Amino acid sequence: MISIDEFRRMDLRVGTVKSAEPHPNADKLLVLRVDLGAEERQIVAGIRGQYDPAALVGRQIVVIANLETAKLRGIESQGMLLAASDGNRIVILSTEKPVTPGAKIS
C-alpha cells in the first residue's frame, strides 16, 4: 500500500500521440512522440504486437510525466504510457472524451 501523498507525487497527464514508429532494435517496442501541451515527449512502449503505429496517431493516452528517463534498447523514453493487461492482450488507457493535451489527471 502507498499513502495518498505518495500517489499525489505521480504526475499523470493526458497526451496526444503525434507519431508512432517501430523501434529499430526491438520487436515488441514502439517509439511514440506525444504532445503533453507545454512540451512534446518521446515514449518507448512495449505495445508493438498489439497496436498498429498508424492507428495510434491522434489518439489520447494517459502518461506518467514525472518518471525518470530510461534508455530502452538505445532509445530514450521520457515517460510511460498506462495500459491494462489481461493475459495476452494489452489495452492502452485513454480518456472518455477529448481533452486538452497536458490535462492533469487526478
Protein backbone atom coordinates (compact mmCIF):
# COMPACT_ATOMS: atom_id res chain seq x y z
CA MET A 1 0.00 0.00 0.00
CA ILE A 2 1.10 3.54 -0.71
CA SER A 3 -0.08 6.66 1.01
CA ILE A 4 -2.25 9.29 -0.65
CA ASP A 5 0.75 11.63 -0.54
CA GLU A 6 2.85 9.11 -2.47
CA PHE A 7 0.07 8.78 -5.05
CA ARG A 8 -0.16 12.58 -5.41
CA ARG A 9 3.55 12.70 -6.34
CA MET A 10 2.74 10.92 -9.61
CA ASP A 11 2.17 13.41 -12.41
CA LEU A 12 -0.49 11.76 -14.59
CA ARG A 13 -1.32 13.68 -17.75
CA VAL A 14 -3.21 13.26 -20.98
CA GLY A 15 -1.04 13.19 -24.07
CA THR A 16 -1.92 13.14 -27.76
CA VAL A 17 0.13 10.79 -29.93
CA LYS A 18 1.75 12.78 -32.76
CA SER A 19 3.70 9.90 -34.31
CA ALA A 20 4.38 6.22 -33.69
CA GLU A 21 7.08 4.06 -35.24
CA PRO A 22 8.51 0.60 -34.65
CA HIS A 23 11.64 0.60 -32.50
CA PRO A 24 14.56 -0.22 -34.83
CA ASN A 25 16.19 -2.64 -32.34
CA ALA A 26 13.24 -4.35 -30.61
CA ASP A 27 10.35 -6.45 -31.89
CA LYS A 28 7.95 -5.55 -29.06
CA LEU A 29 8.57 -1.79 -28.75
CA LEU A 30 7.08 1.29 -30.40
CA VAL A 31 8.57 4.79 -30.24
CA LEU A 32 5.87 7.44 -29.74
CA ARG A 33 6.07 11.24 -29.95
CA VAL A 34 3.46 12.57 -27.52
CA ASP A 35 2.12 16.13 -27.16
CA LEU A 36 1.76 16.99 -23.47
CA GLY A 37 0.63 20.56 -24.06
CA ALA A 38 3.66 22.57 -22.94
CA GLU A 39 6.09 20.06 -24.45
CA GLU A 40 6.47 17.05 -26.68
CA ARG A 41 7.97 13.83 -25.31
CA GLN A 42 9.34 10.61 -26.70
CA ILE A 43 7.95 7.47 -25.07
CA VAL A 44 9.04 3.91 -25.77
CA ALA A 45 6.29 1.38 -25.08
CA GLY A 46 6.02 -2.41 -25.28
CA ILE A 47 2.83 -2.43 -27.36
CA ARG A 48 4.13 -3.18 -30.85
CA GLY A 49 2.38 -6.54 -31.21
CA GLN A 50 -0.93 -5.07 -30.03
CA TYR A 51 -1.23 -1.79 -31.93
CA ASP A 52 -0.67 -0.62 -35.48
CA PRO A 53 1.52 2.50 -35.21
CA ALA A 54 -0.58 4.49 -37.72
CA ALA A 55 -3.76 3.81 -35.71
CA LEU A 56 -2.23 5.45 -32.62
CA VAL A 57 -1.64 8.85 -34.25
CA GLY A 58 -4.14 11.37 -32.88
CA ARG A 59 -5.18 9.12 -30.03
CA GLN A 60 -5.14 10.43 -26.46
CA ILE A 61 -3.33 8.36 -23.85
CA VAL A 62 -2.56 8.57 -20.14
CA VAL A 63 1.12 9.27 -19.37
CA ILE A 64 3.20 9.30 -16.20
CA ALA A 65 5.03 12.53 -16.90
CA ASN A 66 7.42 12.71 -13.93
CA LEU A 67 9.07 9.32 -14.33
CA GLU A 68 12.85 9.30 -14.70
CA THR A 69 14.01 8.93 -18.29
CA ALA A 70 15.24 5.49 -19.30
CA LYS A 71 17.03 4.04 -22.31
CA LEU A 72 15.20 1.11 -23.87
CA ARG A 73 17.34 -0.69 -26.43
CA GLY A 74 19.32 2.52 -27.02
CA ILE A 75 16.39 4.95 -27.35
CA GLU A 76 15.45 7.37 -24.56
CA SER A 77 11.96 7.13 -23.10
CA GLN A 78 10.75 10.30 -21.35
CA GLY A 79 7.71 8.90 -19.57
CA MET A 80 5.42 5.89 -19.57
CA LEU A 81 2.00 5.29 -21.02
CA LEU A 82 -0.52 3.44 -18.87
CA ALA A 83 -2.12 0.25 -20.13
CA ALA A 84 -4.05 -2.72 -18.78
CA SER A 85 -3.13 -6.32 -19.48
CA ASP A 86 -5.28 -9.42 -19.15
CA GLY A 87 -3.01 -12.18 -20.34
CA ASN A 88 -2.05 -11.83 -24.00
CA ARG A 89 -3.89 -8.55 -24.58
CA ILE A 90 -2.64 -5.03 -23.79
CA VAL A 91 -5.13 -2.14 -23.79
CA ILE A 92 -3.98 1.48 -23.62
CA LEU A 93 -5.78 3.69 -21.09
CA SER A 94 -7.35 6.75 -22.65
CA THR A 95 -9.91 9.45 -21.91
CA GLU A 96 -13.64 9.04 -22.50
CA LYS A 97 -13.79 12.35 -24.40
CA PRO A 98 -11.07 14.53 -25.96
CA VAL A 99 -9.33 16.94 -23.59
CA THR A 100 -6.52 19.44 -23.95
CA PRO A 101 -3.10 17.76 -24.23
CA GLY A 102 -1.30 18.06 -20.91
CA ALA A 103 -4.51 17.98 -18.85
CA LYS A 104 -3.74 16.72 -15.36
CA ILE A 105 -5.39 13.52 -14.18
CA SER A 106 -6.46 13.49 -10.53
